[in-house]
């Protein structure tokens, strides 16, 4: 990777972001990586080729189009089908992907040299035209991608020759390489993109064709999808690099934790996600599996629909936030596997404000605020959540706390896909959800969640709007000096804590059950499984 003096700061910052994120840790006792990586492989036998890997997962994907969703259950599947221009290694440093090399031509232009001989699963060649087709598509207003915010600063994608492409941005955007490593930038076959556009002329929703038959360049190929049941992938034997070890990967949707664990114990599945915190010790003490424990960049939060009464009043939102005992959530729900949240960013994320003062648990102060807002006698509302046990437990804890101020709350649990659709449409009052940060930068951790242009499906399900926060978020994107960016993001976090569009709960740890019959599994701080190196072992 080449550098020039004018833009050297871009590379320095990208490296700094990666190293900062790699340092993120916390929760559950000692090291956040305890039980992960090589630890869970200790004592396992020699790896063998082939076999059918089965994962038991909580929720189904909502879309297999990388431009068509912005949720982790979709991303964990997409990441095995599609590839990005650049990747991040285990230290979260930017490394080559489909691009072998890159150079900053000036402070708003990157040039990428692409790998030769790479083909999509349908035989189409991967080249600069394919890169342009993908990046143009995700920025197309008619496609209305919820991941548009990742690349909206791009003004032009220029094909220089078959294996050279330039990306121009409206302003110097420090996290561009990190954004290009996000699986929202996964490369889709140009033939699939053409077919999808053709279907859109007949009133078919954008991404429908790509989602039902996803075609990428990845080490696994799509075979089938039975919605609500399972997604099956097969090894790409024509993959350009080192091939995956297993023959097939099946993502089985199993909402019940007890069933996932039972299937893990009997060998019907080899990876179970998630493991409940109170199940970790039992699994680790047995002989059939171990729990991979990984610190995350994610945030668990209780969101408020700020366009609905009474949550359009920040006093009410602050009062509700004061009625949430995060210690109870950490210990009672997560068994200490996580770090209490001050604001929207996890420790270690670039721009995290360690000096921020979080809203503390205070029932009496909450009563005062509700009285000032005109709700001294309380009100009725609802909390929505999906089929995630921890979120359901949090909902019950919040429900019980709110009774102290005469706020009556009904809890509604729904299937994940319907949940995402309804919260994107703004049909909710309060809701419990999470947000991971795969780029390690404050822009990703806050722009989609809080900029007024991102209301609904892109991430701002609180429907929050604050002109000052909008302005600061835009400044943070345009600022080239890392120190100045940090100052901007510190101000934003202060606004967001004061305004309380959501109650920031906890930065959880990923707990994944891994069978002793396999080795080579790991998971990123973004919750994305790394399955290429997974092997069955000799018994």
Protein backbone atom coordinates (compact mmCIF):
# COMPACT_ATOMS: atom_id res chain seq x y z
CA UNK A 1 0.00 0.00 0.00
CA UNK A 2 1.53 3.24 -1.14
CA UNK A 3 1.56 6.57 0.63
CA UNK A 4 2.25 10.17 -0.26
CA UNK A 5 2.99 13.04 2.11
CA UNK A 6 -0.18 14.98 1.37
CA UNK A 7 -2.48 12.23 2.48
CA UNK A 8 -0.28 10.28 4.89
CA UNK A 9 -2.66 11.15 7.73
CA UNK A 10 -5.35 9.00 6.08
CA UNK A 11 -3.25 5.88 6.49
CA UNK A 12 -2.05 6.78 9.95
CA UNK A 13 -5.62 7.34 11.06
CA UNK A 14 -6.86 4.11 9.48
CA UNK A 15 -4.16 2.18 11.32
CA UNK A 16 -4.92 4.00 14.56
CA UNK A 17 -8.62 3.20 14.24
CA UNK A 18 -7.83 -0.46 13.71
CA UNK A 19 -5.49 -0.70 16.67
CA UNK A 20 -7.89 1.16 18.95
CA UNK A 21 -10.70 -1.23 18.13
CA UNK A 22 -8.44 -4.21 18.67
CA UNK A 23 -7.85 -2.98 22.22
CA UNK A 24 -11.55 -3.07 23.09
CA UNK A 25 -12.28 -5.45 25.98
CA UNK A 26 -14.43 -5.95 29.03
CA UNK A 27 -17.07 -7.93 30.90
CA UNK A 28 -17.49 -11.26 32.57
CA UNK A 29 -14.36 -11.35 34.67
CA UNK A 30 -10.91 -11.27 33.09
CA UNK A 31 -9.88 -11.18 29.44
CA UNK A 32 -12.68 -10.58 26.98
CA UNK A 33 -11.16 -13.12 24.61
CA UNK A 34 -11.08 -15.90 27.17
CA UNK A 35 -12.35 -19.05 25.54
CA UNK A 36 -11.96 -17.66 22.01
CA UNK A 37 -9.56 -18.30 19.16
CA UNK A 38 -6.97 -20.97 19.88
CA UNK A 39 -8.24 -21.48 23.44
CA UNK A 40 -11.36 -23.32 22.30
CA UNK A 41 -9.24 -25.42 19.95
CA UNK A 42 -6.84 -26.56 22.65
CA UNK A 43 -6.48 -30.34 22.74
CA UNK A 44 -8.53 -30.95 19.61
CA UNK A 45 -7.42 -33.48 17.03
CA UNK A 46 -6.03 -33.10 13.53
CA UNK A 47 -8.23 -31.23 11.08
CA UNK A 48 -9.83 -33.11 8.19
CA UNK A 49 -11.35 -31.95 4.91
CA UNK A 50 -15.06 -32.04 4.13
CA UNK A 51 -18.14 -32.44 6.25
CA UNK A 52 -21.40 -30.58 6.73
CA UNK A 53 -21.16 -27.72 9.24
CA UNK A 54 -24.42 -26.77 10.96
CA UNK A 55 -25.03 -23.59 12.95
CA UNK A 56 -28.03 -23.06 15.21
CA UNK A 57 -28.91 -19.36 15.14
CA UNK A 58 -31.56 -17.33 16.92
CA UNK A 59 -32.96 -15.40 13.94
CA UNK A 60 -33.28 -15.75 10.19
CA UNK A 61 -31.75 -13.33 7.72
CA UNK A 62 -33.99 -10.55 6.44
CA UNK A 63 -32.16 -10.26 3.10
CA UNK A 64 -29.19 -11.85 1.33
CA UNK A 65 -28.59 -8.71 -0.70
CA UNK A 66 -25.66 -6.82 0.90
CA UNK A 67 -27.37 -3.56 -0.04
CA UNK A 68 -30.75 -4.75 1.21
CA UNK A 69 -30.39 -5.07 4.97
CA UNK A 70 -28.53 -3.72 7.96
CA UNK A 71 -28.87 -6.44 10.58
CA UNK A 72 -26.44 -8.99 11.98
CA UNK A 73 -28.49 -12.16 11.18
CA UNK A 74 -28.32 -11.18 7.50
CA UNK A 75 -24.68 -10.08 7.63
CA UNK A 76 -23.38 -13.36 9.09
CA UNK A 77 -24.66 -15.19 6.03
CA UNK A 78 -23.77 -12.52 3.47
CA UNK A 79 -20.16 -12.39 4.72
CA UNK A 80 -19.64 -15.96 3.49
CA UNK A 81 -21.08 -15.37 0.01
CA UNK A 82 -19.69 -11.95 -0.88
CA UNK A 83 -16.29 -10.33 -0.57
CA UNK A 84 -15.21 -6.73 -0.16
CA UNK A 85 -12.39 -4.68 -1.68
CA UNK A 86 -10.50 -4.66 1.61
CA UNK A 87 -10.70 -6.73 4.79
CA UNK A 88 -9.72 -6.41 8.44
CA UNK A 89 -7.40 -8.91 10.10
CA UNK A 90 -7.61 -10.23 13.67
CA UNK A 91 -6.02 -6.99 14.89
CA UNK A 92 -8.61 -5.00 12.90
CA UNK A 93 -5.94 -3.60 10.59
CA UNK A 94 -6.97 -3.00 6.98
CA UNK A 95 -5.61 -5.72 4.67
CA UNK A 96 -6.14 -6.66 1.00
CA UNK A 97 -9.36 -8.29 -0.11
CA UNK A 98 -10.54 -8.21 -3.71
CA UNK A 99 -8.17 -5.28 -4.06
CA UNK A 100 -4.50 -6.25 -3.85
CA UNK A 101 -3.20 -2.73 -3.39
CA UNK A 102 -4.42 0.84 -3.07
CA UNK A 103 -3.04 4.34 -3.13
CA UNK A 104 -4.38 7.72 -2.07
CA UNK A 105 -3.96 9.88 -5.17
CA UNK A 106 -5.08 12.99 -3.28
CA UNK A 107 -7.18 13.69 -0.21
CA UNK A 108 -10.44 12.79 -1.99
CA UNK A 109 -9.29 10.05 -4.39
CA UNK A 110 -8.26 6.44 -3.81
CA UNK A 111 -7.03 4.15 -6.55
CA UNK A 112 -7.39 0.38 -6.16
CA UNK A 113 -5.56 -2.39 -8.00
CA UNK A 114 -7.85 -5.40 -8.25
CA UNK A 115 -7.01 -9.09 -8.12
CA UNK A 116 -6.86 -10.81 -11.49
CA UNK A 117 -8.51 -14.11 -12.27
CA UNK A 118 -11.36 -13.73 -9.75
CA UNK A 119 -14.78 -14.91 -10.92
CA UNK A 120 -18.25 -14.62 -9.48
CA UNK A 121 -20.13 -17.82 -8.69
CA UNK A 122 -22.00 -17.49 -12.01
CA UNK A 123 -18.74 -17.32 -13.99
CA UNK A 124 -18.82 -13.57 -14.55
CA UNK A 125 -15.39 -11.90 -14.21
CA UNK A 126 -14.67 -9.64 -11.25
CA UNK A 127 -13.21 -6.39 -12.57
CA UNK A 128 -13.36 -2.62 -12.26
CA UNK A 129 -16.72 -2.48 -14.05
CA UNK A 130 -18.15 -4.80 -11.38
CA UNK A 131 -16.86 -2.52 -8.63
CA UNK A 132 -18.45 0.48 -10.29
CA UNK A 133 -21.77 -1.35 -10.79
CA UNK A 134 -21.89 -2.29 -7.10
CA UNK A 135 -20.92 1.09 -5.64
CA UNK A 136 -23.21 2.93 -8.06
CA UNK A 137 -26.08 0.64 -7.12
CA UNK A 138 -25.80 1.02 -3.35
CA UNK A 139 -25.85 4.81 -3.86
CA UNK A 140 -28.86 4.70 -6.21
CA UNK A 141 -31.83 6.46 -4.60
CA UNK A 142 -34.21 4.05 -6.39
CA UNK A 143 -32.55 1.11 -4.65
CA UNK A 144 -33.02 2.89 -1.29
CA UNK A 145 -30.36 0.82 0.44
CA UNK A 146 -30.34 1.02 4.25
CA UNK A 147 -26.55 0.95 3.89
CA UNK A 148 -26.44 4.01 1.65
CA UNK A 149 -24.94 6.04 4.51
CA UNK A 150 -21.76 3.94 4.29
CA UNK A 151 -20.95 5.28 0.83
CA UNK A 152 -22.97 8.46 0.36
CA UNK A 153 -19.79 10.55 0.41
CA UNK A 154 -18.62 8.87 -2.81
CA UNK A 155 -19.16 11.15 -5.80
CA UNK A 156 -17.72 9.02 -8.60
CA UNK A 157 -16.33 5.57 -9.35
CA UNK A 158 -13.98 5.70 -12.33
CA UNK A 159 -12.84 2.65 -14.31
CA UNK A 160 -9.22 3.26 -15.31
CA UNK A 161 -8.69 -0.17 -16.85
CA UNK A 162 -9.98 -3.70 -16.30
CA UNK A 163 -8.25 -4.09 -12.94
CA UNK A 164 -7.86 -0.48 -11.79
CA UNK A 165 -10.62 1.62 -10.28
CA UNK A 166 -10.68 5.03 -8.61
CA UNK A 167 -13.11 6.11 -5.90
CA UNK A 168 -13.66 9.84 -5.46
CA UNK A 169 -15.31 11.36 -2.40
CA UNK A 170 -16.99 14.71 -1.88
CA UNK A 171 -14.66 15.50 1.01
CA UNK A 172 -11.72 13.79 2.76
CA UNK A 173 -13.37 10.89 4.55
CA UNK A 174 -11.00 9.27 7.02
CA UNK A 175 -12.89 5.95 7.58
CA UNK A 176 -13.38 5.18 3.86
CA UNK A 177 -11.22 2.05 3.93
CA UNK A 178 -13.00 0.85 7.06
CA UNK A 179 -16.36 1.41 5.34
CA UNK A 180 -15.19 -0.52 2.29
CA UNK A 181 -14.40 -3.47 4.58
CA UNK A 182 -18.04 -3.53 5.74
CA UNK A 183 -20.03 -6.31 4.11
CA UNK A 184 -22.44 -3.67 2.82
CA UNK A 185 -19.72 -3.21 0.19
CA UNK A 186 -19.86 -6.90 -0.75
CA UNK A 187 -19.43 -7.37 -4.49
CA UNK A 188 -22.49 -8.80 -6.30
CA UNK A 189 -22.32 -10.29 -9.80
CA UNK A 190 -23.06 -7.60 -12.44
CA UNK A 191 -25.41 -10.07 -14.14
CA UNK A 192 -27.42 -10.29 -10.90
CA UNK A 193 -27.48 -6.50 -10.61
CA UNK A 194 -28.81 -6.24 -14.18
CA UNK A 195 -31.51 -8.82 -13.46
CA UNK A 196 -32.50 -7.00 -10.26
CA UNK A 197 -32.85 -3.67 -12.07
CA UNK A 198 -34.91 -5.36 -14.79
CA UNK A 199 -37.27 -6.77 -12.15
CA UNK A 200 -37.65 -3.34 -10.55
CA UNK A 201 -39.31 -2.04 -13.74
CA UNK A 202 -42.15 -4.43 -12.99
CA UNK A 203 -42.77 -3.12 -9.47
CA UNK A 204 -40.60 -5.76 -7.82
CA UNK A 205 -38.83 -4.42 -4.74
CA UNK A 206 -35.16 -3.57 -5.19
CA UNK A 207 -32.90 -6.42 -4.09
CA UNK A 208 -35.52 -9.13 -4.44
CA UNK A 209 -33.76 -10.96 -7.27
CA UNK A 210 -30.36 -10.72 -5.59
CA UNK A 211 -31.71 -11.83 -2.21
CA UNK A 212 -33.33 -15.04 -3.44
CA UNK A 213 -30.28 -16.04 -5.52
CA UNK A 214 -27.21 -14.27 -4.11
CA UNK A 215 -24.12 -14.44 -6.30
CA UNK A 216 -20.75 -13.24 -5.00
CA UNK A 217 -17.08 -14.24 -5.22
CA UNK A 218 -16.82 -15.76 -1.73
CA UNK A 219 -15.51 -19.11 -0.54
CA UNK A 220 -19.09 -20.38 -0.15
CA UNK A 221 -21.89 -20.35 -2.73
CA UNK A 222 -25.60 -20.09 -2.10
CA UNK A 223 -27.63 -23.28 -2.45
CA UNK A 224 -31.04 -22.76 -0.82
CA UNK A 225 -33.12 -20.72 1.60
CA UNK A 226 -36.26 -21.87 3.37
CA UNK A 227 -37.39 -18.68 5.16
CA UNK A 228 -37.82 -19.16 8.88
CA UNK A 229 -36.09 -22.53 8.75
CA UNK A 230 -32.62 -22.62 7.21
CA UNK A 231 -30.11 -21.26 4.70
CA UNK A 232 -27.62 -23.63 3.07
CA UNK A 233 -24.30 -22.76 1.42
CA UNK A 234 -21.84 -25.01 -0.41
CA UNK A 235 -18.07 -24.69 -0.79
CA UNK A 236 -16.87 -22.72 -3.81
CA UNK A 237 -14.36 -25.14 -5.32
CA UNK A 238 -13.39 -22.50 -7.91
CA UNK A 239 -12.49 -19.93 -5.24
CA UNK A 240 -9.48 -17.76 -6.18
CA UNK A 241 -7.72 -18.19 -2.82
CA UNK A 242 -7.39 -20.88 -0.17
CA UNK A 243 -10.59 -22.85 -0.17
CA UNK A 244 -12.85 -23.51 2.79
CA UNK A 245 -12.45 -26.88 4.52
CA UNK A 246 -16.08 -27.97 4.97
CA UNK A 247 -18.36 -29.05 2.12
CA UNK A 248 -21.48 -27.20 3.27
CA UNK A 249 -22.67 -24.70 5.86
CA UNK A 250 -26.26 -24.67 7.09
CA UNK A 251 -27.70 -21.87 9.20
CA UNK A 252 -30.65 -23.41 11.08
CA UNK A 253 -33.08 -21.02 12.73
CA UNK A 254 -33.72 -22.31 16.25
CA UNK A 255 -35.27 -19.62 18.48
CA UNK A 256 -35.25 -21.72 21.68
CA UNK A 257 -31.94 -21.69 23.55
CA UNK A 258 -32.60 -25.06 25.20
CA UNK A 259 -33.10 -26.68 21.81
CA UNK A 260 -29.94 -25.07 20.39
CA UNK A 261 -27.91 -26.39 23.32
CA UNK A 262 -29.47 -29.83 23.16
CA UNK A 263 -28.64 -30.06 19.46
CA UNK A 264 -25.09 -28.90 20.23
CA UNK A 265 -24.73 -31.60 22.87
CA UNK A 266 -26.07 -34.37 20.63
CA UNK A 267 -23.94 -33.27 17.69
CA UNK A 268 -26.82 -32.23 15.43
CA UNK A 269 -25.30 -28.74 15.31
CA UNK A 270 -21.69 -27.67 15.72
CA UNK A 271 -22.06 -23.97 16.54
CA UNK A 272 -24.84 -22.51 18.70
CA UNK A 273 -25.41 -18.76 18.81
CA UNK A 274 -26.15 -17.22 21.18
CA UNK A 275 -25.40 -19.07 24.39
CA UNK A 276 -27.28 -17.61 27.34
CA UNK A 277 -24.95 -16.13 29.99
CA UNK A 278 -26.25 -18.48 32.69
CA UNK A 279 -25.41 -21.46 30.47
CA UNK A 280 -21.71 -20.69 29.98
CA UNK A 281 -20.33 -22.43 33.06
CA UNK A 282 -22.34 -25.59 32.43
CA UNK A 283 -21.19 -25.94 28.83
CA UNK A 284 -17.56 -25.20 29.67
CA UNK A 285 -17.58 -27.85 32.40
CA UNK A 286 -18.79 -30.55 29.99
CA UNK A 287 -16.91 -32.42 27.28
CA UNK A 288 -18.98 -31.78 24.16
CA UNK A 289 -18.32 -28.06 23.56
CA UNK A 290 -16.74 -24.85 24.82
CA UNK A 291 -18.00 -21.27 24.79
CA UNK A 292 -16.20 -18.76 22.61
CA UNK A 293 -16.32 -15.47 24.53
CA UNK A 294 -15.61 -12.29 22.55
CA UNK A 295 -15.83 -8.62 23.49
CA UNK A 296 -18.04 -6.76 21.05
CA UNK A 297 -18.30 -3.30 19.60
CA UNK A 298 -22.07 -3.55 19.95
CA UNK A 299 -24.57 -1.55 22.01
CA UNK A 300 -27.74 -2.91 23.59
CA UNK A 301 -30.27 -0.11 24.02
CA UNK A 302 -33.84 0.82 24.86
CA UNK A 303 -35.03 3.17 22.13
CA UNK A 304 -37.80 5.75 22.28
CA UNK A 305 -39.94 6.81 19.33
CA UNK A 306 -39.18 10.52 19.67
CA UNK A 307 -41.96 11.45 17.24
CA UNK A 308 -44.66 10.05 19.55
CA UNK A 309 -45.98 11.50 22.78
CA UNK A 310 -44.79 11.42 25.48
CA UNK A 311 -41.36 10.45 24.11
CA UNK A 312 -41.11 13.64 22.07
CA UNK A 313 -40.23 15.28 25.40
CA UNK A 314 -36.56 14.79 26.39
CA UNK A 315 -37.54 15.07 30.07
CA UNK A 316 -39.64 11.94 29.73
CA UNK A 317 -36.82 10.13 27.93
CA UNK A 318 -34.31 11.11 30.59
CA UNK A 319 -36.72 10.05 33.32
CA UNK A 320 -37.19 6.60 31.78
CA UNK A 321 -33.41 6.32 31.39
CA UNK A 322 -32.98 7.13 35.10
CA UNK A 323 -35.36 4.31 35.98
CA UNK A 324 -33.17 1.67 34.34
CA UNK A 325 -30.69 0.00 36.66
CA UNK A 326 -27.86 -1.03 34.34
CA UNK A 327 -26.12 -2.97 37.11
CA UNK A 328 -29.21 -5.16 37.44
CA UNK A 329 -29.19 -5.71 33.68
CA UNK A 330 -25.49 -6.51 33.63
CA UNK A 331 -25.58 -8.97 36.51
CA UNK A 332 -29.15 -10.25 36.30
CA UNK A 333 -29.44 -10.63 32.53
CA UNK A 334 -25.86 -10.94 31.24
CA UNK A 335 -24.12 -12.47 34.29
CA UNK A 336 -21.46 -9.74 34.03
CA UNK A 337 -20.56 -10.52 30.40
CA UNK A 338 -20.30 -6.95 29.18
CA UNK A 339 -19.45 -3.32 29.94
CA UNK A 340 -22.01 -0.77 31.15
CA UNK A 341 -22.70 1.84 28.48
CA UNK A 342 -22.16 5.55 29.02
CA UNK A 343 -23.42 6.51 25.60
CA UNK A 344 -23.70 5.00 22.13
CA UNK A 345 -20.01 4.11 21.61
CA UNK A 346 -18.16 1.16 23.14
CA UNK A 347 -14.74 1.63 24.77
CA UNK A 348 -12.04 1.28 22.14
CA UNK A 349 -14.13 2.72 19.30
CA UNK A 350 -12.45 5.74 17.71
CA UNK A 351 -14.17 8.81 19.20
CA UNK A 352 -15.33 7.14 22.42
CA UNK A 353 -15.73 9.81 25.13
CA UNK A 354 -14.33 8.32 28.33
CA UNK A 355 -15.14 11.53 30.22
CA UNK A 356 -18.83 11.46 29.35
CA UNK A 357 -21.17 11.43 32.34
CA UNK A 358 -23.91 8.85 31.85
CA UNK A 359 -27.45 9.14 33.14
CA UNK A 360 -27.45 7.41 36.52
CA UNK A 361 -30.19 5.36 38.16
CA UNK A 362 -32.27 7.78 40.26
CA UNK A 363 -35.94 7.13 40.95
CA UNK A 364 -36.61 10.38 42.80
CA UNK A 365 -35.04 12.54 40.09
CA UNK A 366 -37.06 10.61 37.49
CA UNK A 367 -40.27 11.44 39.37
CA UNK A 368 -39.32 15.14 39.35
CA UNK A 369 -38.72 15.14 35.62
CA UNK A 370 -42.00 13.38 34.92
CA UNK A 371 -43.82 15.94 37.06
CA UNK A 372 -42.16 18.79 35.15
CA UNK A 373 -43.21 17.15 31.89
CA UNK A 374 -46.82 16.85 33.06
CA UNK A 375 -46.83 13.12 33.73
CA UNK A 376 -46.82 13.09 37.53
CA UNK A 377 -49.53 10.43 37.46
CA UNK A 378 -47.75 8.34 34.87
CA UNK A 379 -48.99 7.07 31.51
CA UNK A 380 -49.53 3.88 29.51
CA UNK A 381 -47.14 2.65 26.86
CA UNK A 382 -45.53 -0.45 25.35
CA UNK A 383 -42.11 -2.01 24.83
CA UNK A 384 -41.46 -4.04 21.71
CA UNK A 385 -38.72 -6.62 21.40
CA UNK A 386 -37.87 -9.61 19.27
CA UNK A 387 -37.24 -13.28 20.02
CA UNK A 388 -34.04 -12.57 21.94
CA UNK A 389 -34.18 -13.84 25.54
CA UNK A 390 -31.93 -11.11 26.98
CA UNK A 391 -34.01 -8.39 25.37
CA UNK A 392 -37.16 -9.97 26.74
CA UNK A 393 -35.64 -10.08 30.23
CA UNK A 394 -34.61 -6.42 29.93
CA UNK A 395 -38.16 -5.54 28.92
CA UNK A 396 -39.51 -7.19 32.09
CA UNK A 397 -36.96 -5.38 34.29
CA UNK A 398 -37.86 -2.04 32.71
CA UNK A 399 -41.57 -2.81 33.03
CA UNK A 400 -41.16 -3.43 36.77
CA UNK A 401 -39.09 -0.27 37.30
CA UNK A 402 -41.60 1.92 35.48
CA UNK A 403 -44.33 0.77 37.83
CA UNK A 404 -42.58 2.85 40.50
CA UNK A 405 -43.69 6.01 38.68
CA UNK A 406 -47.11 4.71 37.59
CA UNK A 407 -46.05 4.07 34.03
CA UNK A 408 -47.88 0.96 32.81
CA UNK A 409 -46.08 -0.92 30.06
CA UNK A 410 -47.22 -3.81 27.90
CA UNK A 411 -44.51 -6.02 26.40
CA UNK A 412 -44.89 -7.33 22.88
CA UNK A 413 -42.50 -9.95 21.47
CA UNK A 414 -42.39 -10.56 17.73
CA UNK A 415 -40.44 -12.42 15.06
CA UNK A 416 -37.25 -10.58 14.07
CA UNK A 417 -38.18 -9.78 10.46
CA UNK A 418 -41.57 -8.35 11.41
CA UNK A 419 -39.95 -6.49 14.30
CA UNK A 420 -37.46 -4.79 11.99
CA UNK A 421 -40.17 -3.84 9.52
CA UNK A 422 -42.53 -2.39 12.12
CA UNK A 423 -39.85 -0.40 13.96
CA UNK A 424 -38.56 0.90 10.62
CA UNK A 425 -42.08 2.14 9.93
CA UNK A 426 -42.23 3.93 13.29
CA UNK A 427 -45.18 1.95 14.66
CA UNK A 428 -43.63 1.49 18.11
CA UNK A 429 -43.42 3.44 21.39
CA UNK A 430 -40.34 1.94 23.08
CA UNK A 431 -38.22 -0.88 21.72
CA UNK A 432 -35.13 -2.91 22.62
CA UNK A 433 -32.49 -3.55 20.01
CA UNK A 434 -28.74 -3.55 19.41
CA UNK A 435 -26.21 -1.96 17.07
CA UNK A 436 -22.77 -3.31 16.27
CA UNK A 437 -19.87 -1.25 14.95
CA UNK A 438 -17.94 -3.23 12.32
CA UNK A 439 -15.82 -0.26 11.21
CA UNK A 440 -14.53 0.77 14.65
CA UNK A 441 -15.29 4.44 13.98
CA UNK A 442 -17.63 6.92 15.68
CA UNK A 443 -19.21 7.80 12.35
CA UNK A 444 -20.66 4.32 11.95
CA UNK A 445 -21.62 4.17 15.62
CA UNK A 446 -23.67 7.37 15.50
CA UNK A 447 -24.47 8.62 12.00
CA UNK A 448 -26.94 5.85 11.11
CA UNK A 449 -28.48 5.82 14.59
CA UNK A 450 -29.00 9.56 15.07
CA UNK A 451 -28.77 11.60 11.86
CA UNK A 452 -32.22 12.75 10.80
CA UNK A 453 -31.64 11.52 7.23
CA UNK A 454 -31.35 7.94 8.54
CA UNK A 455 -34.80 7.58 10.10
CA UNK A 456 -36.27 4.09 9.89
CA UNK A 457 -34.56 1.14 8.21
CA UNK A 458 -31.02 2.60 7.92
CA UNK A 459 -30.75 2.69 11.72
CA UNK A 460 -32.49 5.71 13.27
CA UNK A 461 -35.47 3.79 14.62
CA UNK A 462 -35.80 6.39 17.39
CA UNK A 463 -36.79 8.85 14.65
CA UNK A 464 -34.54 11.33 16.43
CA UNK A 465 -33.91 14.73 14.92
CA UNK A 466 -31.63 17.43 16.28
CA UNK A 467 -30.21 20.03 13.89
CA UNK A 468 -27.10 20.60 16.03
CA UNK A 469 -26.36 16.88 16.18
CA UNK A 470 -26.92 16.62 12.42
CA UNK A 471 -24.44 19.45 11.84
CA UNK A 472 -21.83 17.91 14.13
CA UNK A 473 -22.20 14.46 12.56
CA UNK A 474 -21.66 16.02 9.14
CA UNK A 475 -18.63 17.93 10.43
CA UNK A 476 -17.18 14.74 11.87
CA UNK A 477 -17.38 13.11 8.43
CA UNK A 478 -15.63 16.03 6.75
CA UNK A 479 -12.92 16.73 9.31
CA UNK A 480 -9.50 15.41 8.32
CA UNK A 481 -7.66 15.98 11.62
CA UNK A 482 -8.14 12.97 13.96
CA UNK A 483 -7.85 15.14 17.09
CA UNK A 484 -10.51 17.54 15.81
CA UNK A 485 -12.75 14.59 14.91
CA UNK A 486 -12.48 13.32 18.48
CA UNK A 487 -13.51 16.74 19.82
CA UNK A 488 -16.53 16.77 17.52
CA UNK A 489 -17.61 13.26 18.51
CA UNK A 490 -17.18 14.08 22.19
CA UNK A 491 -19.63 16.96 21.74
CA UNK A 492 -22.07 14.71 19.92
CA UNK A 493 -22.01 12.14 22.73
CA UNK A 494 -22.71 14.87 25.29
CA UNK A 495 -25.74 15.97 23.26
CA UNK A 496 -26.96 12.39 22.89
CA UNK A 497 -26.66 11.62 26.59
CA UNK A 498 -28.52 14.83 27.47
CA UNK A 499 -31.20 14.35 24.79
CA UNK A 500 -31.58 10.62 25.55
CA UNK A 501 -33.17 9.39 22.29
CA UNK A 502 -32.38 5.99 23.74
CA UNK A 503 -31.27 4.53 27.05
CA UNK A 504 -27.74 3.21 26.50
CA UNK A 505 -27.59 -0.09 28.38
CA UNK A 506 -24.58 -2.34 27.88
CA UNK A 507 -21.84 -3.33 25.46
CA UNK A 508 -22.34 -7.07 25.50
CA UNK A 509 -20.00 -9.96 24.81
CA UNK A 510 -20.67 -12.53 22.12
CA UNK A 511 -21.12 -15.98 23.64
CA UNK A 512 -21.03 -18.78 21.08
CA UNK A 513 -21.11 -22.52 21.74
CA UNK A 514 -18.52 -24.40 19.67
CA UNK A 515 -18.52 -28.19 19.41
CA UNK A 516 -15.34 -30.07 20.25
CA UNK A 517 -15.81 -31.82 16.89
CA UNK A 518 -14.61 -28.72 15.03
CA UNK A 519 -11.75 -26.26 15.21
CA UNK A 520 -10.82 -22.95 13.56
CA UNK A 521 -13.96 -20.99 14.46
CA UNK A 522 -13.79 -17.36 15.51
CA UNK A 523 -16.08 -14.36 15.60
CA UNK A 524 -15.35 -10.68 15.03
CA UNK A 525 -16.10 -7.78 17.35
CA UNK A 526 -18.96 -7.06 14.93
CA UNK A 527 -20.57 -10.46 15.53
CA UNK A 528 -19.68 -11.86 12.10
CA UNK A 529 -18.70 -15.54 12.08
CA UNK A 530 -15.41 -16.52 10.46
CA UNK A 531 -16.09 -19.90 8.90
CA UNK A 532 -13.45 -20.26 6.19
CA UNK A 533 -10.95 -21.98 8.50
CA UNK A 534 -13.44 -24.20 10.34
CA UNK A 535 -12.55 -27.90 10.13
CA UNK A 536 -13.91 -31.09 11.56
CA UNK A 537 -11.32 -32.95 13.61
CA UNK A 538 -10.36 -36.59 13.72
CA UNK A 539 -12.07 -38.43 16.55
